[in-house]
Amino acid sequence: MFTIKRKINFYDCDPAGILFYAKLFEISHSVYEEMINSFNLKKNYWINDEFVVPIIKTDGAYFKPLRAGETVSINLTVTLRKENSFELTYEWIDKSGELAAKARTVHVFVDKKRWVKIPIYEEIVKGLESHQRDVNL
């Protein structure tokens, strides 16, 4: 599991001061970027001539309001890994330790020139494995 603490800023919220629904995915994606960057890969994951890793599926669930000024812990876990794709689950834990929101994204490795699925590079597999666990979705 990869964990980051984040403050909910007012600009992340709707006029009622509650996290705007799209921000769940924007902030979750920033945690994904931090996890990948922590792998210290030899090849730039984000900008290279060989592969891209588009998101092919997302979903989210909200259990409690997340308010401006709150600090949350976002736990990112690799919940499924296949030959050329992986699934990430983001659990947003509020200050009382309760699950406030959850998001899920599925990513697939694609050859940048031919736009066909390719196996996940071994160096990236090792990084993903370090944050992998089985969860009930």
Protein backbone atom coordinates (compact mmCIF):
# COMPACT_ATOMS: atom_id res chain seq x y z
CA MET A 1 0.00 0.00 0.00
CA PHE A 2 1.17 3.52 -0.84
CA THR A 3 -0.20 6.23 1.47
CA ILE A 4 -0.27 9.99 1.05
CA LYS A 5 -1.86 12.63 3.28
CA ARG A 6 -3.70 15.44 1.48
CA LYS A 7 -5.49 18.56 2.64
CA ILE A 8 -8.82 19.24 0.94
CA ASN A 9 -8.50 22.79 -0.35
CA PHE A 10 -11.47 25.10 -0.76
CA TYR A 11 -10.83 25.19 -4.52
CA ASP A 12 -11.32 21.39 -4.56
CA CYS A 13 -14.87 21.85 -3.29
CA ASP A 14 -18.30 22.82 -4.52
CA PRO A 15 -20.02 25.96 -3.16
CA ALA A 16 -21.15 23.98 -0.09
CA GLY A 17 -17.49 23.33 0.83
CA ILE A 18 -17.68 19.60 0.05
CA LEU A 19 -15.22 17.86 -2.26
CA PHE A 20 -16.37 18.28 -5.87
CA TYR A 21 -16.97 14.81 -7.33
CA ALA A 22 -14.42 15.12 -10.17
CA LYS A 23 -11.69 16.05 -7.69
CA LEU A 24 -11.85 12.50 -6.29
CA PHE A 25 -10.31 11.31 -9.56
CA GLU A 26 -7.95 14.26 -10.03
CA ILE A 27 -6.43 13.91 -6.57
CA SER A 28 -6.39 10.10 -6.79
CA HIS A 29 -4.48 10.40 -10.07
CA SER A 30 -1.89 12.63 -8.39
CA VAL A 31 -1.36 9.88 -5.79
CA TYR A 32 -0.91 7.37 -8.64
CA GLU A 33 1.72 9.68 -10.16
CA GLU A 34 3.56 9.91 -6.83
CA MET A 35 3.55 6.12 -6.48
CA ILE A 36 4.97 5.61 -9.99
CA ASN A 37 7.59 8.33 -9.42
CA SER A 38 8.66 6.55 -6.21
CA PHE A 39 9.76 3.56 -8.34
CA ASN A 40 12.77 5.58 -9.63
CA LEU A 41 12.42 4.03 -13.08
CA LYS A 42 15.22 4.20 -15.65
CA LYS A 43 12.73 5.10 -18.41
CA ASN A 44 10.34 8.03 -18.06
CA TYR A 45 6.94 6.41 -17.43
CA TRP A 46 5.01 9.49 -18.43
CA ILE A 47 6.83 10.65 -21.56
CA ASN A 48 8.61 8.13 -23.78
CA ASP A 49 8.52 6.80 -27.35
CA GLU A 50 7.63 3.19 -26.48
CA PHE A 51 4.45 2.98 -24.41
CA VAL A 52 1.48 4.79 -22.94
CA VAL A 53 -0.71 3.68 -20.06
CA PRO A 54 -4.26 4.94 -20.59
CA ILE A 55 -7.00 4.50 -18.03
CA ILE A 56 -9.71 2.28 -19.49
CA LYS A 57 -12.16 2.14 -16.58
CA THR A 58 -12.96 4.16 -13.46
CA ASP A 59 -15.50 4.20 -10.69
CA GLY A 60 -15.95 5.97 -7.41
CA ALA A 61 -18.09 5.81 -4.29
CA TYR A 62 -18.70 8.43 -1.63
CA PHE A 63 -19.58 7.40 1.91
CA LYS A 64 -19.12 10.61 3.91
CA PRO A 65 -18.66 14.28 2.97
CA LEU A 66 -15.07 15.43 2.58
CA ARG A 67 -14.92 19.09 3.59
CA ALA A 68 -12.59 21.97 2.82
CA GLY A 69 -9.74 22.13 5.34
CA GLU A 70 -9.83 18.43 6.23
CA THR A 71 -6.71 16.32 5.91
CA VAL A 72 -7.28 12.82 4.58
CA SER A 73 -5.09 9.79 4.11
CA ILE A 74 -5.32 8.25 0.67
CA ASN A 75 -4.29 4.60 0.59
CA LEU A 76 -3.41 3.40 -2.90
CA THR A 77 -3.26 -0.33 -3.45
CA VAL A 78 -2.63 -2.43 -6.55
CA THR A 79 -5.66 -4.72 -6.35
CA LEU A 80 -5.24 -6.63 -9.61
CA ARG A 81 -2.33 -7.15 -11.99
CA LYS A 82 -2.42 -8.96 -15.30
CA GLU A 83 0.13 -9.32 -18.09
CA ASN A 84 -0.64 -5.94 -19.64
CA SER A 85 -2.98 -4.18 -17.21
CA PHE A 86 -3.42 -3.33 -13.57
CA GLU A 87 -6.14 -2.05 -11.27
CA LEU A 88 -5.62 0.52 -8.53
CA THR A 89 -7.92 1.11 -5.57
CA TYR A 90 -7.80 4.39 -3.65
CA GLU A 91 -9.31 4.48 -0.17
CA TRP A 92 -9.86 7.96 1.26
CA ILE A 93 -9.73 7.84 5.07
CA ASP A 94 -11.02 10.84 7.02
CA LYS A 95 -9.63 12.31 10.25
CA SER A 96 -11.73 9.90 12.36
CA GLY A 97 -10.19 6.92 10.56
CA GLU A 98 -13.35 6.08 8.62
CA LEU A 99 -13.64 5.32 4.92
CA ALA A 100 -15.05 8.48 3.32
CA ALA A 101 -14.61 7.67 -0.36
CA LYS A 102 -13.20 5.05 -2.67
CA ALA A 103 -12.05 5.17 -6.28
CA ARG A 104 -10.82 2.55 -8.71
CA THR A 105 -8.91 2.89 -11.98
CA VAL A 106 -7.84 0.27 -14.51
CA HIS A 107 -4.75 0.98 -16.63
CA VAL A 108 -3.46 -0.86 -19.71
CA PHE A 109 0.00 -0.84 -21.28
CA VAL A 110 -0.13 0.01 -24.98
CA ASP A 111 2.56 0.19 -27.66
CA LYS A 112 2.68 3.88 -28.56
CA LYS A 113 3.20 3.38 -32.30
CA ARG A 114 0.93 0.37 -33.01
CA TRP A 115 -1.66 1.04 -30.28
CA VAL A 116 -1.83 -2.61 -29.21
CA LYS A 117 -1.54 -4.05 -25.72
CA ILE A 118 1.97 -4.97 -24.57
CA PRO A 119 3.27 -6.64 -21.40
CA ILE A 120 4.01 -4.37 -18.46
CA TYR A 121 7.76 -3.69 -18.27
CA GLU A 122 9.42 -5.85 -15.60
CA GLU A 123 10.83 -2.85 -13.74
CA ILE A 124 7.29 -1.49 -13.36
CA VAL A 125 5.89 -4.90 -12.37
CA LYS A 126 8.35 -4.94 -9.45
CA GLY A 127 7.17 -1.52 -8.30
CA LEU A 128 3.52 -2.50 -8.59
CA GLU A 129 4.13 -5.74 -6.68
CA SER A 130 5.46 -3.76 -3.73
CA HIS A 131 2.02 -2.14 -3.31
CA GLN A 132 -0.16 -5.11 -4.25
CA ARG A 133 -2.72 -6.82 -2.02
CA ASP A 134 -6.00 -8.59 -2.50
CA VAL A 135 -9.09 -6.68 -1.44
CA ASN A 136 -12.80 -7.26 -1.69
CA LEU A 137 -14.15 -4.77 -4.19
